[in-house]
PDB file of N, CA and C in Angstrom:
ATOM      1  N   UNK A   1      -6.706  -9.142   0.991  1.00  0.00           N
ATOM      2  CA  UNK A   1      -7.278  -8.531  -0.182  1.00  0.00           C
ATOM      3  C   UNK A   1      -8.795  -8.697  -0.100  1.00  0.00           C
ATOM      4  N   UNK A   2      -9.532  -7.618   0.051  1.00  0.00           N
ATOM      5  CA  UNK A   2     -10.991  -7.718   0.128  1.00  0.00           C
ATOM      6  C   UNK A   2     -11.576  -8.257  -1.179  1.00  0.00           C
ATOM      7  N   UNK A   3     -12.520  -9.148  -1.080  1.00  0.00           N
ATOM      8  CA  UNK A   3     -13.127  -9.760  -2.259  1.00  0.00           C
ATOM      9  C   UNK A   3     -13.908  -8.733  -3.067  1.00  0.00           C
ATOM     10  N   UNK A   4     -14.554  -7.788  -2.402  1.00  0.00           N
ATOM     11  CA  UNK A   4     -15.409  -6.849  -3.133  1.00  0.00           C
ATOM     12  C   UNK A   4     -14.631  -5.761  -3.864  1.00  0.00           C
ATOM     13  N   UNK A   5     -13.329  -5.643  -3.642  1.00  0.00           N
ATOM     14  CA  UNK A   5     -12.531  -4.637  -4.323  1.00  0.00           C
ATOM     15  C   UNK A   5     -12.476  -4.942  -5.815  1.00  0.00           C
ATOM     16  N   UNK A   6     -12.575  -3.906  -6.629  1.00  0.00           N
ATOM     17  CA  UNK A   6     -12.564  -4.087  -8.077  1.00  0.00           C
ATOM     18  C   UNK A   6     -11.140  -4.032  -8.612  1.00  0.00           C
ATOM     19  N   UNK A   7     -10.829  -4.964  -9.474  1.00  0.00           N
ATOM     20  CA  UNK A   7      -9.535  -5.035 -10.139  1.00  0.00           C
ATOM     21  C   UNK A   7      -9.758  -5.299 -11.619  1.00  0.00           C
ATOM     22  N   UNK A   8      -8.815  -4.879 -12.431  1.00  0.00           N
ATOM     23  CA  UNK A   8      -8.720  -5.365 -13.788  1.00  0.00           C
ATOM     24  C   UNK A   8      -7.801  -6.575 -13.701  1.00  0.00           C
ATOM     25  N   UNK A   9      -8.295  -7.745 -14.093  1.00  0.00           N
ATOM     26  CA  UNK A   9      -7.485  -8.957 -14.075  1.00  0.00           C
ATOM     27  C   UNK A   9      -6.724  -9.071 -15.384  1.00  0.00           C
ATOM     28  N   UNK A  10      -5.424  -9.307 -15.277  1.00  0.00           N
ATOM     29  CA  UNK A  10      -4.538  -9.359 -16.434  1.00  0.00           C
ATOM     30  C   UNK A  10      -4.092 -10.799 -16.655  1.00  0.00           C
ATOM     31  N   UNK A  11      -4.117 -11.226 -17.891  1.00  0.00           N
ATOM     32  CA  UNK A  11      -3.565 -12.515 -18.281  1.00  0.00           C
ATOM     33  C   UNK A  11      -2.755 -12.321 -19.550  1.00  0.00           C
ATOM     34  N   UNK A  12      -1.458 -12.539 -19.478  1.00  0.00           N
ATOM     35  CA  UNK A  12      -0.600 -12.316 -20.647  1.00  0.00           C
ATOM     36  C   UNK A  12       0.359 -13.486 -20.815  1.00  0.00           C
ATOM     37  N   UNK A  13       0.967 -13.538 -21.964  1.00  0.00           N
ATOM     38  CA  UNK A  13       1.996 -14.527 -22.237  1.00  0.00           C
ATOM     39  C   UNK A  13       2.786 -14.088 -23.458  1.00  0.00           C
ATOM     40  N   UNK A  14       3.990 -14.616 -23.563  1.00  0.00           N
ATOM     41  CA  UNK A  14       4.838 -14.310 -24.719  1.00  0.00           C
ATOM     42  C   UNK A  14       5.306 -15.619 -25.339  1.00  0.00           C
ATOM     43  N   UNK A  15       5.536 -15.580 -26.630  1.00  0.00           N
ATOM     44  CA  UNK A  15       6.132 -16.731 -27.294  1.00  0.00           C
ATOM     45  C   UNK A  15       7.482 -17.007 -26.645  1.00  0.00           C
ATOM     46  N   UNK A  16       7.779 -18.257 -26.359  1.00  0.00           N
ATOM     47  CA  UNK A  16       9.077 -18.570 -25.744  1.00  0.00           C
ATOM     48  C   UNK A  16      10.276 -18.025 -26.524  1.00  0.00           C
ATOM     49  N   UNK A  17      10.183 -17.964 -27.846  1.00  0.00           N
ATOM     50  CA  UNK A  17      11.297 -17.454 -28.656  1.00  0.00           C
ATOM     51  C   UNK A  17      11.566 -15.973 -28.412  1.00  0.00           C
ATOM     52  N   UNK A  18      10.588 -15.244 -27.854  1.00  0.00           N
ATOM     53  CA  UNK A  18      10.749 -13.811 -27.613  1.00  0.00           C
ATOM     54  C   UNK A  18      11.173 -13.485 -26.186  1.00  0.00           C
ATOM     55  N   UNK A  19      11.216 -14.485 -25.319  1.00  0.00           N
ATOM     56  CA  UNK A  19      11.557 -14.230 -23.919  1.00  0.00           C
ATOM     57  C   UNK A  19      13.073 -14.138 -23.740  1.00  0.00           C
ATOM     58  N   UNK A  20      13.475 -13.470 -22.659  1.00  0.00           N
ATOM     59  CA  UNK A  20      14.895 -13.350 -22.329  1.00  0.00           C
ATOM     60  C   UNK A  20      15.655 -12.356 -23.180  1.00  0.00           C
ATOM     61  N   UNK A  21      14.956 -11.524 -23.930  1.00  0.00           N
ATOM     62  CA  UNK A  21      15.604 -10.563 -24.835  1.00  0.00           C
ATOM     63  C   UNK A  21      15.215  -9.123 -24.524  1.00  0.00           C
ATOM     64  N   UNK A  22      14.592  -8.892 -23.369  1.00  0.00           N
ATOM     65  CA  UNK A  22      14.195  -7.542 -22.999  1.00  0.00           C
ATOM     66  C   UNK A  22      12.846  -7.128 -23.564  1.00  0.00           C
ATOM     67  N   UNK A  23      12.167  -8.028 -24.246  1.00  0.00           N
ATOM     68  CA  UNK A  23      10.861  -7.685 -24.832  1.00  0.00           C
ATOM     69  C   UNK A  23       9.758  -7.590 -23.785  1.00  0.00           C
ATOM     70  N   UNK A  24       9.939  -8.245 -22.653  1.00  0.00           N
ATOM     71  CA  UNK A  24       8.899  -8.268 -21.630  1.00  0.00           C
ATOM     72  C   UNK A  24       8.548  -6.885 -21.121  1.00  0.00           C
ATOM     73  N   UNK A  25       9.545  -6.046 -20.889  1.00  0.00           N
ATOM     74  CA  UNK A  25       9.288  -4.698 -20.373  1.00  0.00           C
ATOM     75  C   UNK A  25       8.494  -3.858 -21.367  1.00  0.00           C
ATOM     76  N   UNK A  26       8.872  -3.919 -22.637  1.00  0.00           N
ATOM     77  CA  UNK A  26       8.169  -3.149 -23.661  1.00  0.00           C
ATOM     78  C   UNK A  26       6.732  -3.650 -23.795  1.00  0.00           C
ATOM     79  N   UNK A  27       6.578  -4.957 -23.867  1.00  0.00           N
ATOM     80  CA  UNK A  27       5.253  -5.562 -24.022  1.00  0.00           C
ATOM     81  C   UNK A  27       4.366  -5.247 -22.825  1.00  0.00           C
ATOM     82  N   UNK A  28       4.895  -5.460 -21.615  1.00  0.00           N
ATOM     83  CA  UNK A  28       4.077  -5.243 -20.419  1.00  0.00           C
ATOM     84  C   UNK A  28       3.757  -3.761 -20.234  1.00  0.00           C
ATOM     85  N   UNK A  29       4.690  -2.876 -20.582  1.00  0.00           N
ATOM     86  CA  UNK A  29       4.418  -1.435 -20.503  1.00  0.00           C
ATOM     87  C   UNK A  29       3.254  -1.064 -21.412  1.00  0.00           C
ATOM     88  N   UNK A  30       3.209  -1.641 -22.607  1.00  0.00           N
ATOM     89  CA  UNK A  30       2.107  -1.390 -23.519  1.00  0.00           C
ATOM     90  C   UNK A  30       0.780  -1.825 -22.897  1.00  0.00           C
ATOM     91  N   UNK A  31       0.768  -3.022 -22.328  1.00  0.00           N
ATOM     92  CA  UNK A  31      -0.452  -3.551 -21.698  1.00  0.00           C
ATOM     93  C   UNK A  31      -0.885  -2.652 -20.544  1.00  0.00           C
ATOM     94  N   UNK A  32       0.055  -2.321 -19.652  1.00  0.00           N
ATOM     95  CA  UNK A  32      -0.249  -1.498 -18.477  1.00  0.00           C
ATOM     96  C   UNK A  32      -0.753  -0.116 -18.895  1.00  0.00           C
ATOM     97  N   UNK A  33      -0.076   0.501 -19.848  1.00  0.00           N
ATOM     98  CA  UNK A  33      -0.483   1.837 -20.293  1.00  0.00           C
ATOM     99  C   UNK A  33      -1.871   1.819 -20.908  1.00  0.00           C
ATOM    100  N   UNK A  34      -2.185   0.797 -21.669  1.00  0.00           N
ATOM    101  CA  UNK A  34      -3.520   0.683 -22.265  1.00  0.00           C
ATOM    102  C   UNK A  34      -4.577   0.544 -21.172  1.00  0.00           C
ATOM    103  N   UNK A  35      -4.311  -0.299 -20.193  1.00  0.00           N
ATOM    104  CA  UNK A  35      -5.271  -0.484 -19.096  1.00  0.00           C
ATOM    105  C   UNK A  35      -5.463   0.821 -18.332  1.00  0.00           C
ATOM    106  N   UNK A  36      -4.366   1.533 -18.063  1.00  0.00           N
ATOM    107  CA  UNK A  36      -4.472   2.799 -17.330  1.00  0.00           C
ATOM    108  C   UNK A  36      -5.293   3.826 -18.099  1.00  0.00           C
ATOM    109  N   UNK A  37      -5.167   3.841 -19.423  1.00  0.00           N
ATOM    110  CA  UNK A  37      -5.930   4.789 -20.230  1.00  0.00           C
ATOM    111  C   UNK A  37      -7.412   4.448 -20.254  1.00  0.00           C
ATOM    112  N   UNK A  38      -7.743   3.173 -20.209  1.00  0.00           N
ATOM    113  CA  UNK A  38      -9.133   2.728 -20.305  1.00  0.00           C
ATOM    114  C   UNK A  38      -9.830   2.603 -18.949  1.00  0.00           C
ATOM    115  N   UNK A  39      -9.087   2.244 -17.930  1.00  0.00           N
ATOM    116  CA  UNK A  39      -9.645   1.981 -16.590  1.00  0.00           C
ATOM    117  C   UNK A  39      -8.705   2.599 -15.568  1.00  0.00           C
ATOM    118  N   UNK A  40      -9.225   3.293 -14.643  1.00  0.00           N
ATOM    119  CA  UNK A  40      -8.397   3.843 -13.564  1.00  0.00           C
ATOM    120  C   UNK A  40      -8.709   3.055 -12.308  1.00  0.00           C
ATOM    121  N   UNK A  41      -8.244   1.807 -12.305  1.00  0.00           N
ATOM    122  CA  UNK A  41      -8.549   0.903 -11.211  1.00  0.00           C
ATOM    123  C   UNK A  41      -7.344  -0.002 -10.956  1.00  0.00           C
ATOM    124  N   UNK A  42      -7.218  -0.549  -9.777  1.00  0.00           N
ATOM    125  CA  UNK A  42      -6.098  -1.460  -9.501  1.00  0.00           C
ATOM    126  C   UNK A  42      -6.102  -2.665 -10.444  1.00  0.00           C
ATOM    127  N   UNK A  43      -4.918  -3.262 -10.616  1.00  0.00           N
ATOM    128  CA  UNK A  43      -4.752  -4.420 -11.494  1.00  0.00           C
ATOM    129  C   UNK A  43      -4.306  -5.625 -10.678  1.00  0.00           C
ATOM    130  N   UNK A  44      -4.679  -6.812 -11.180  1.00  0.00           N
ATOM    131  CA  UNK A  44      -4.327  -8.055 -10.490  1.00  0.00           C
ATOM    132  C   UNK A  44      -3.931  -9.092 -11.536  1.00  0.00           C
ATOM    133  N   UNK A  45      -2.965  -9.944 -11.178  1.00  0.00           N
ATOM    134  CA  UNK A  45      -2.574 -11.045 -12.043  1.00  0.00           C
ATOM    135  C   UNK A  45      -2.141 -12.224 -11.193  1.00  0.00           C
ATOM    136  N   UNK A  46      -2.133 -13.379 -11.799  1.00  0.00           N
ATOM    137  CA  UNK A  46      -1.649 -14.589 -11.131  1.00  0.00           C
ATOM    138  C   UNK A  46      -0.597 -15.208 -12.031  1.00  0.00           C
ATOM    139  N   UNK A  47       0.516 -15.606 -11.426  1.00  0.00           N
ATOM    140  CA  UNK A  47       1.657 -16.135 -12.166  1.00  0.00           C
ATOM    141  C   UNK A  47       2.136 -17.407 -11.475  1.00  0.00           C
ATOM    142  N   UNK A  48       2.616 -18.363 -12.266  1.00  0.00           N
ATOM    143  CA  UNK A  48       3.214 -19.560 -11.687  1.00  0.00           C
ATOM    144  C   UNK A  48       4.452 -19.139 -10.890  1.00  0.00           C
ATOM    145  N   UNK A  49       4.554 -19.588  -9.671  1.00  0.00           N
ATOM    146  CA  UNK A  49       5.620 -19.154  -8.766  1.00  0.00           C
ATOM    147  C   UNK A  49       7.009 -19.484  -9.313  1.00  0.00           C
ATOM    148  N   UNK A  50       7.140 -20.537 -10.115  1.00  0.00           N
ATOM    149  CA  UNK A  50       8.452 -20.881 -10.678  1.00  0.00           C
ATOM    150  C   UNK A  50       8.913 -19.873 -11.724  1.00  0.00           C
ATOM    151  N   UNK A  51       8.020 -19.022 -12.216  1.00  0.00           N
ATOM    152  CA  UNK A  51       8.355 -18.058 -13.262  1.00  0.00           C
ATOM    153  C   UNK A  51       8.969 -16.796 -12.641  1.00  0.00           C
ATOM    154  N   UNK A  52      10.189 -16.941 -12.155  1.00  0.00           N
ATOM    155  CA  UNK A  52      10.871 -15.862 -11.418  1.00  0.00           C
ATOM    156  C   UNK A  52      11.107 -14.627 -12.275  1.00  0.00           C
ATOM    157  N   UNK A  53      11.415 -14.820 -13.562  1.00  0.00           N
ATOM    158  CA  UNK A  53      11.647 -13.646 -14.427  1.00  0.00           C
ATOM    159  C   UNK A  53      10.384 -12.815 -14.567  1.00  0.00           C
ATOM    160  N   UNK A  54       9.246 -13.468 -14.732  1.00  0.00           N
ATOM    161  CA  UNK A  54       7.988 -12.730 -14.843  1.00  0.00           C
ATOM    162  C   UNK A  54       7.673 -12.005 -13.544  1.00  0.00           C
ATOM    163  N   UNK A  55       7.903 -12.664 -12.419  1.00  0.00           N
ATOM    164  CA  UNK A  55       7.632 -12.029 -11.121  1.00  0.00           C
ATOM    165  C   UNK A  55       8.503 -10.790 -10.945  1.00  0.00           C
ATOM    166  N   UNK A  56       9.778 -10.874 -11.320  1.00  0.00           N
ATOM    167  CA  UNK A  56      10.652  -9.688 -11.236  1.00  0.00           C
ATOM    168  C   UNK A  56      10.131  -8.564 -12.130  1.00  0.00           C
ATOM    169  N   UNK A  57       9.671  -8.913 -13.327  1.00  0.00           N
ATOM    170  CA  UNK A  57       9.116  -7.907 -14.235  1.00  0.00           C
ATOM    171  C   UNK A  57       7.901  -7.238 -13.612  1.00  0.00           C
ATOM    172  N   UNK A  58       6.984  -8.030 -13.067  1.00  0.00           N
ATOM    173  CA  UNK A  58       5.775  -7.471 -12.467  1.00  0.00           C
ATOM    174  C   UNK A  58       6.111  -6.589 -11.266  1.00  0.00           C
ATOM    175  N   UNK A  59       7.102  -6.989 -10.478  1.00  0.00           N
ATOM    176  CA  UNK A  59       7.530  -6.157  -9.343  1.00  0.00           C
ATOM    177  C   UNK A  59       8.109  -4.835  -9.842  1.00  0.00           C
ATOM    178  N   UNK A  60       8.841  -4.886 -10.932  1.00  0.00           N
ATOM    179  CA  UNK A  60       9.405  -3.670 -11.541  1.00  0.00           C
ATOM    180  C   UNK A  60       8.300  -2.682 -11.911  1.00  0.00           C
ATOM    181  N   UNK A  61       7.142  -3.204 -12.272  1.00  0.00           N
ATOM    182  CA  UNK A  61       6.009  -2.373 -12.649  1.00  0.00           C
ATOM    183  C   UNK A  61       5.076  -2.077 -11.482  1.00  0.00           C
ATOM    184  N   UNK A  62       5.538  -2.327 -10.264  1.00  0.00           N
ATOM    185  CA  UNK A  62       4.783  -1.918  -9.087  1.00  0.00           C
ATOM    186  C   UNK A  62       3.802  -2.929  -8.537  1.00  0.00           C
ATOM    187  N   UNK A  63       3.845  -4.166  -8.999  1.00  0.00           N
ATOM    188  CA  UNK A  63       2.967  -5.204  -8.464  1.00  0.00           C
ATOM    189  C   UNK A  63       3.564  -5.790  -7.194  1.00  0.00           C
ATOM    190  N   UNK A  64       2.713  -6.069  -6.222  1.00  0.00           N
ATOM    191  CA  UNK A  64       3.127  -6.674  -4.959  1.00  0.00           C
ATOM    192  C   UNK A  64       2.483  -8.049  -4.811  1.00  0.00           C
ATOM    193  N   UNK A  65       3.234  -8.972  -4.231  1.00  0.00           N
ATOM    194  CA  UNK A  65       2.698 -10.304  -3.950  1.00  0.00           C
ATOM    195  C   UNK A  65       1.690 -10.202  -2.816  1.00  0.00           C
ATOM    196  N   UNK A  66       0.510 -10.782  -3.014  1.00  0.00           N
ATOM    197  CA  UNK A  66      -0.521 -10.719  -1.982  1.00  0.00           C
ATOM    198  C   UNK A  66      -1.046 -12.091  -1.575  1.00  0.00           C
ATOM    199  N   UNK A  67      -0.788 -13.111  -2.383  1.00  0.00           N
ATOM    200  CA  UNK A  67      -1.349 -14.422  -2.086  1.00  0.00           C
ATOM    201  C   UNK A  67      -0.545 -15.490  -2.804  1.00  0.00           C
ATOM    202  N   UNK A  68      -0.308 -16.609  -2.115  1.00  0.00           N
ATOM    203  CA  UNK A  68       0.292 -17.776  -2.749  1.00  0.00           C
ATOM    204  C   UNK A  68      -0.635 -18.948  -2.521  1.00  0.00           C
ATOM    205  N   UNK A  69      -0.809 -19.776  -3.548  1.00  0.00           N
ATOM    206  CA  UNK A  69      -1.687 -20.933  -3.423  1.00  0.00           C
ATOM    207  C   UNK A  69      -1.213 -22.035  -4.361  1.00  0.00           C
ATOM    208  N   UNK A  70      -1.738 -23.219  -4.157  1.00  0.00           N
ATOM    209  CA  UNK A  70      -1.399 -24.375  -4.967  1.00  0.00           C
ATOM    210  C   UNK A  70      -2.656 -24.873  -5.652  1.00  0.00           C
ATOM    211  N   UNK A  71      -2.546 -25.161  -6.926  1.00  0.00           N
ATOM    212  CA  UNK A  71      -3.658 -25.720  -7.678  1.00  0.00           C
ATOM    213  C   UNK A  71      -3.128 -26.872  -8.531  1.00  0.00           C
ATOM    214  N   UNK A  72      -3.643 -28.045  -8.284  1.00  0.00           N
ATOM    215  CA  UNK A  72      -3.256 -29.243  -9.041  1.00  0.00           C
ATOM    216  C   UNK A  72      -1.758 -29.478  -9.030  1.00  0.00           C
ATOM    217  N   UNK A  73      -1.138 -29.214  -7.879  1.00  0.00           N
ATOM    218  CA  UNK A  73       0.284 -29.471  -7.719  1.00  0.00           C
ATOM    219  C   UNK A  73       1.208 -28.374  -8.210  1.00  0.00           C
ATOM    220  N   UNK A  74       0.664 -27.258  -8.657  1.00  0.00           N
ATOM    221  CA  UNK A  74       1.480 -26.136  -9.134  1.00  0.00           C
ATOM    222  C   UNK A  74       1.257 -24.949  -8.215  1.00  0.00           C
ATOM    223  N   UNK A  75       2.365 -24.323  -7.784  1.00  0.00           N
ATOM    224  CA  UNK A  75       2.281 -23.148  -6.921  1.00  0.00           C
ATOM    225  C   UNK A  75       2.090 -21.895  -7.774  1.00  0.00           C
ATOM    226  N   UNK A  76       1.199 -21.021  -7.298  1.00  0.00           N
ATOM    227  CA  UNK A  76       0.908 -19.756  -7.973  1.00  0.00           C
ATOM    228  C   UNK A  76       1.033 -18.606  -6.990  1.00  0.00           C
ATOM    229  N   UNK A  77       1.316 -17.428  -7.528  1.00  0.00           N
ATOM    230  CA  UNK A  77       1.381 -16.193  -6.765  1.00  0.00           C
ATOM    231  C   UNK A  77       0.433 -15.186  -7.397  1.00  0.00           C
ATOM    232  N   UNK A  78      -0.430 -14.598  -6.588  1.00  0.00           N
ATOM    233  CA  UNK A  78      -1.292 -13.516  -7.057  1.00  0.00           C
ATOM    234  C   UNK A  78      -0.635 -12.202  -6.662  1.00  0.00           C
ATOM    235  N   UNK A  79      -0.602 -11.280  -7.611  1.00  0.00           N
ATOM    236  CA  UNK A  79       0.040  -9.982  -7.399  1.00  0.00           C
ATOM    237  C   UNK A  79      -0.953  -8.879  -7.763  1.00  0.00           C
ATOM    238  N   UNK A  80      -0.876  -7.772  -7.050  1.00  0.00           N
ATOM    239  CA  UNK A  80      -1.745  -6.635  -7.340  1.00  0.00           C
ATOM    240  C   UNK A  80      -0.925  -5.361  -7.450  1.00  0.00           C
ATOM    241  N   UNK A  81      -1.474  -4.439  -8.194  1.00  0.00           N
ATOM    242  CA  UNK A  81      -0.904  -3.088  -8.273  1.00  0.00           C
ATOM    243  C   UNK A  81      -2.040  -2.136  -7.965  1.00  0.00           C
ATOM    244  N   UNK A  82      -1.970  -1.551  -6.788  1.00  0.00           N
ATOM    245  CA  UNK A  82      -3.052  -0.693  -6.295  1.00  0.00           C
ATOM    246  C   UNK A  82      -2.911   0.743  -6.766  1.00  0.00           C
ATOM    247  N   UNK A  83      -1.704   1.141  -7.135  1.00  0.00           N
ATOM    248  CA  UNK A  83      -1.445   2.533  -7.507  1.00  0.00           C
ATOM    249  C   UNK A  83      -1.190   2.620  -9.001  1.00  0.00           C
ATOM    250  N   UNK A  84      -1.337   3.806  -9.567  1.00  0.00           N
ATOM    251  CA  UNK A  84      -1.157   3.966 -11.002  1.00  0.00           C
ATOM    252  C   UNK A  84       0.269   4.326 -11.400  1.00  0.00           C
ATOM    253  N   UNK A  85       1.042   4.877 -10.494  1.00  0.00           N
ATOM    254  CA  UNK A  85       2.414   5.230 -10.826  1.00  0.00           C
ATOM    255  C   UNK A  85       3.318   4.025 -10.579  1.00  0.00           C
ATOM    256  N   UNK A  86       4.363   3.912 -11.374  1.00  0.00           N
ATOM    257  CA  UNK A  86       5.326   2.840 -11.199  1.00  0.00           C
ATOM    258  C   UNK A  86       6.672   3.298 -11.711  1.00  0.00           C
ATOM    259  N   UNK A  87       7.707   2.566 -11.321  1.00  0.00           N
ATOM    260  CA  UNK A  87       9.064   2.925 -11.729  1.00  0.00           C
ATOM    261  C   UNK A  87       9.545   2.020 -12.858  1.00  0.00           C
ATOM    262  N   UNK A  88       8.630   1.348 -13.518  1.00  0.00           N
ATOM    263  CA  UNK A  88       8.986   0.435 -14.586  1.00  0.00           C
ATOM    264  C   UNK A  88       9.320   1.175 -15.866  1.00  0.00           C
ATOM    265  N   UNK A  89       9.056   0.552 -16.968  1.00  0.00           N
ATOM    266  CA  UNK A  89       9.366   1.072 -18.284  1.00  0.00           C
ATOM    267  C   UNK A  89       8.751   2.454 -18.477  1.00  0.00           C
ATOM    268  N   UNK A  90       9.534   3.376 -18.959  1.00  0.00           N
ATOM    269  CA  UNK A  90       9.083   4.742 -19.193  1.00  0.00           C
ATOM    270  C   UNK A  90       8.420   4.815 -20.556  1.00  0.00           C
ATOM    271  N   UNK A  91       7.108   5.096 -20.583  1.00  0.00           N
ATOM    272  CA  UNK A  91       6.408   5.099 -21.861  1.00  0.00           C
ATOM    273  C   UNK A  91       6.825   6.251 -22.759  1.00  0.00           C
ATOM    274  N   UNK A  92       7.620   7.184 -22.255  1.00  0.00           N
ATOM    275  CA  UNK A  92       8.119   8.287 -23.076  1.00  0.00           C
ATOM    276  C   UNK A  92       9.377   7.961 -23.846  1.00  0.00           C
ATOM    277  N   UNK A  93       9.908   6.740 -23.678  1.00  0.00           N
ATOM    278  CA  UNK A  93      11.146   6.352 -24.388  1.00  0.00           C
ATOM    279  C   UNK A  93      10.926   6.263 -25.857  1.00  0.00           C
TER     280      UNK A  93
END
Protein backbone atom coordinates (compact mmCIF):
# COMPACT_ATOMS: atom_id res chain seq x y z
CA UNK A 1 0.00 0.00 0.00
CA UNK A 2 1.73 3.21 -1.12
CA UNK A 3 1.98 5.77 1.68
CA UNK A 4 1.17 8.71 -0.59
CA UNK A 5 -2.15 7.23 -1.74
CA UNK A 6 -5.15 9.13 -0.39
CA UNK A 7 -7.77 7.31 1.65
CA UNK A 8 -10.71 8.26 3.77
CA UNK A 9 -9.92 6.63 7.13
CA UNK A 10 -12.96 5.13 8.83
CA UNK A 11 -13.39 4.55 12.54
CA UNK A 12 -16.71 3.15 13.73
CA UNK A 13 -18.19 1.23 16.61
CA UNK A 14 -21.55 0.00 17.83
CA UNK A 15 -23.01 -0.38 21.28
CA UNK A 16 -22.52 -4.00 22.33
CA UNK A 17 -26.29 -4.32 22.93
CA UNK A 18 -26.89 -3.63 19.21
CA UNK A 19 -24.39 -6.15 17.83
CA UNK A 20 -25.30 -9.60 16.52
CA UNK A 21 -28.76 -8.48 15.37
CA UNK A 22 -28.07 -7.55 11.75
CA UNK A 23 -27.67 -3.84 12.53
CA UNK A 24 -24.06 -3.77 11.34
CA UNK A 25 -24.95 -4.00 7.65
CA UNK A 26 -27.50 -1.19 7.83
CA UNK A 27 -25.20 1.02 9.90
CA UNK A 28 -22.10 0.39 7.79
CA UNK A 29 -24.06 0.88 4.54
CA UNK A 30 -25.13 4.30 5.81
CA UNK A 31 -21.52 5.22 6.62
CA UNK A 32 -20.18 3.93 3.28
CA UNK A 33 -22.91 5.64 1.24
CA UNK A 34 -22.30 8.96 3.00
CA UNK A 35 -18.56 8.74 2.35
CA UNK A 36 -19.15 7.86 -1.31
CA UNK A 37 -21.45 10.87 -1.73
CA UNK A 38 -18.95 13.26 -0.12
CA UNK A 39 -15.63 11.81 -1.32
CA UNK A 40 -14.87 9.67 -4.33
CA UNK A 41 -11.73 8.12 -2.93
CA UNK A 42 -10.65 4.75 -1.53
CA UNK A 43 -11.45 3.95 2.11
CA UNK A 44 -9.29 2.40 4.81
CA UNK A 45 -9.96 1.04 8.29
CA UNK A 46 -8.16 -0.87 11.00
CA UNK A 47 -9.89 -3.53 13.08
CA UNK A 48 -8.77 -5.76 15.93
CA UNK A 49 -8.02 -9.13 14.32
CA UNK A 50 -10.08 -11.00 16.96
CA UNK A 51 -13.21 -9.15 15.75
CA UNK A 52 -14.11 -11.76 13.11
CA UNK A 53 -17.72 -10.58 12.71
CA UNK A 54 -16.59 -7.05 11.86
CA UNK A 55 -13.99 -8.36 9.41
CA UNK A 56 -16.66 -10.45 7.64
CA UNK A 57 -18.89 -7.37 7.44
CA UNK A 58 -16.10 -5.24 5.97
CA UNK A 59 -15.29 -7.97 3.42
CA UNK A 60 -18.97 -8.06 2.46
CA UNK A 61 -18.66 -4.37 1.64
CA UNK A 62 -15.63 -4.90 -0.58
CA UNK A 63 -12.77 -4.27 1.85
CA UNK A 64 -9.60 -6.34 1.43
CA UNK A 65 -7.01 -7.16 4.07
CA UNK A 66 -3.75 -5.39 3.25
CA UNK A 67 -1.73 -5.35 6.47
CA UNK A 68 -1.53 -7.11 9.82
CA UNK A 69 0.40 -5.70 12.76
CA UNK A 70 0.67 -5.90 16.53
CA UNK A 71 0.43 -2.94 18.87
CA UNK A 72 0.81 -3.33 22.63
CA UNK A 73 0.10 -7.04 22.43
CA UNK A 74 -3.05 -6.75 20.29
CA UNK A 75 -3.18 -7.90 16.67
CA UNK A 76 -4.79 -5.57 14.14
CA UNK A 77 -5.75 -5.85 10.48
CA UNK A 78 -5.83 -2.89 8.10
CA UNK A 79 -8.35 -3.18 5.29
CA UNK A 80 -8.92 -1.02 2.22
CA UNK A 81 -11.63 -0.62 -0.35
CA UNK A 82 -10.17 0.77 -3.55
CA UNK A 83 -13.33 0.59 -5.66
CA UNK A 84 -16.70 2.26 -5.18
CA UNK A 85 -18.94 -0.65 -6.12
CA UNK A 86 -19.60 -3.44 -3.66
CA UNK A 87 -21.92 -6.39 -3.21
CA UNK A 88 -22.86 -5.47 0.34
CA UNK A 89 -26.06 -3.93 1.61
CA UNK A 90 -28.24 -2.54 -1.16
CA UNK A 91 -29.01 1.08 -0.35
CA UNK A 92 -32.21 0.80 -2.42
CA UNK A 93 -33.83 -1.56 0.12
